[in-house]
Amino acid sequence: MTIRTVFVTIFILIASVASGADTVVGTWKTENGETSVIDHCGANYCIVAKSGRYAGQQIGFFSGRADTYTGRLTDPRTKTIYSGRLTVSGNSLKLRGCATSVLCKTQIWTRLN
């Protein structure tokens, strides 16, 4: 293996890791058909409702990387805060919010962009 091949291989690996970063960032269609945007919020990520009755309200705050994030979800209707976990898999986002370790609800959102 030549030195050039080693550098090309390293470059490809770095590029593939970089392109996989922030997979959670984007516009997502919720289970009820509304849209929410997940974007950087300092070193973390925020979820903001973009359509529907609660448009413009922040409904989540998460930290993490790659494909798994932890933080909190807020029910905008009741203002109740839940512990949450986001898991990204391709164009799907699994959100799980829990009031206790047993009382949880899961939604699957679809990436729009």
Protein backbone atom coordinates (compact mmCIF):
# COMPACT_ATOMS: atom_id res chain seq x y z
CA MET A 1 0.00 0.00 0.00
CA THR A 2 1.45 3.33 -1.04
CA ILE A 3 1.46 6.47 1.08
CA ARG A 4 -0.96 8.03 -1.42
CA THR A 5 -3.41 5.15 -0.93
CA VAL A 6 -3.19 5.58 2.83
CA PHE A 7 -3.95 9.32 2.59
CA VAL A 8 -6.87 8.76 0.20
CA THR A 9 -8.30 6.11 2.52
CA ILE A 10 -7.98 8.39 5.56
CA PHE A 11 -9.60 11.26 3.65
CA ILE A 12 -12.55 9.07 2.62
CA LEU A 13 -13.03 7.85 6.20
CA ILE A 14 -12.95 11.39 7.59
CA ALA A 15 -15.38 12.61 4.91
CA SER A 16 -17.82 9.78 5.61
CA VAL A 17 -17.78 10.48 9.37
CA ALA A 18 -18.25 14.22 8.79
CA SER A 19 -21.15 13.68 6.41
CA GLY A 20 -22.87 11.45 8.97
CA ALA A 21 -22.65 14.09 11.70
CA ASP A 22 -25.78 16.02 12.65
CA THR A 23 -28.09 13.51 11.02
CA VAL A 24 -30.80 14.75 13.38
CA VAL A 25 -30.69 18.29 11.92
CA GLY A 26 -33.50 18.93 9.44
CA THR A 27 -37.22 19.34 8.89
CA TRP A 28 -39.39 16.47 10.08
CA LYS A 29 -43.03 15.49 9.48
CA THR A 30 -44.66 14.49 12.77
CA GLU A 31 -47.15 11.66 13.22
CA ASN A 32 -50.04 14.15 13.15
CA GLY A 33 -48.86 15.63 9.82
CA GLU A 34 -47.36 18.85 11.18
CA THR A 35 -43.73 19.86 10.74
CA SER A 36 -40.97 20.48 13.25
CA VAL A 37 -37.39 21.58 12.72
CA ILE A 38 -34.39 20.26 14.60
CA ASP A 39 -31.35 22.52 14.48
CA HIS A 40 -28.27 23.48 16.46
CA CYS A 41 -28.93 25.23 19.74
CA GLY A 42 -25.43 26.13 20.90
CA ALA A 43 -23.60 22.82 21.35
CA ASN A 44 -26.95 20.99 21.56
CA TYR A 45 -30.07 20.60 19.43
CA CYS A 46 -33.51 22.21 19.71
CA ILE A 47 -36.83 21.08 18.27
CA VAL A 48 -39.16 23.88 17.21
CA ALA A 49 -42.72 23.34 15.94
CA LYS A 50 -43.03 24.94 12.50
CA SER A 51 -46.68 24.34 11.70
CA GLY A 52 -49.91 23.83 13.58
CA ARG A 53 -51.28 25.47 16.68
CA TYR A 54 -47.91 25.63 18.46
CA ALA A 55 -45.79 26.88 15.55
CA GLY A 56 -42.72 28.76 16.74
CA GLN A 57 -42.59 27.08 20.15
CA GLN A 58 -39.55 25.10 21.25
CA ILE A 59 -40.73 21.59 22.10
CA GLY A 60 -37.43 19.80 22.68
CA PHE A 61 -33.82 20.20 23.77
CA PHE A 62 -31.28 17.41 23.24
CA SER A 63 -27.60 16.58 23.30
CA GLY A 64 -25.78 13.70 21.71
CA ARG A 65 -24.16 12.72 18.46
CA ALA A 66 -24.25 10.26 15.58
CA ASP A 67 -27.72 8.73 15.82
CA THR A 68 -28.76 8.85 19.50
CA TYR A 69 -29.66 11.94 21.53
CA THR A 70 -31.03 12.45 25.05
CA GLY A 71 -32.76 15.42 26.61
CA ARG A 72 -36.25 16.67 27.22
CA LEU A 73 -39.52 17.04 25.31
CA THR A 74 -42.21 19.55 26.20
CA ASP A 75 -45.91 18.99 25.54
CA PRO A 76 -46.83 22.47 24.26
CA ARG A 77 -50.48 21.99 25.21
CA THR A 78 -49.88 21.26 28.91
CA LYS A 79 -46.29 22.59 29.25
CA THR A 80 -45.37 19.24 30.83
CA ILE A 81 -41.70 18.31 30.41
CA TYR A 82 -40.68 14.71 29.76
CA SER A 83 -37.30 13.04 29.60
CA GLY A 84 -36.66 12.05 26.02
CA ARG A 85 -34.55 10.10 23.62
CA LEU A 86 -34.17 10.58 19.87
CA THR A 87 -32.85 7.87 17.58
CA VAL A 88 -32.17 8.56 13.90
CA SER A 89 -32.26 5.79 11.33
CA GLY A 90 -32.03 7.01 7.74
CA ASN A 91 -35.06 9.22 7.11
CA SER A 92 -36.85 8.14 10.29
CA LEU A 93 -36.66 9.71 13.72
CA LYS A 94 -37.90 7.78 16.74
CA LEU A 95 -38.87 10.06 19.64
CA ARG A 96 -39.53 8.54 23.03
CA GLY A 97 -40.78 10.70 25.87
CA CYS A 98 -41.21 9.38 29.42
CA ALA A 99 -42.93 10.82 32.48
CA THR A 100 -41.50 7.90 34.50
CA SER A 101 -39.46 4.89 33.46
CA VAL A 102 -42.72 3.03 32.79
CA LEU A 103 -45.00 5.74 31.40
CA CYS A 104 -43.57 6.43 27.95
CA LYS A 105 -44.87 7.32 24.50
CA THR A 106 -43.07 6.84 21.21
CA GLN A 107 -43.56 8.60 17.87
CA ILE A 108 -41.90 8.08 14.51
CA TRP A 109 -41.25 11.19 12.41
CA THR A 110 -40.23 11.27 8.74
CA ARG A 111 -37.48 13.49 7.33
CA LEU A 112 -38.68 16.11 4.84
CA ASN A 113 -35.17 17.50 4.15
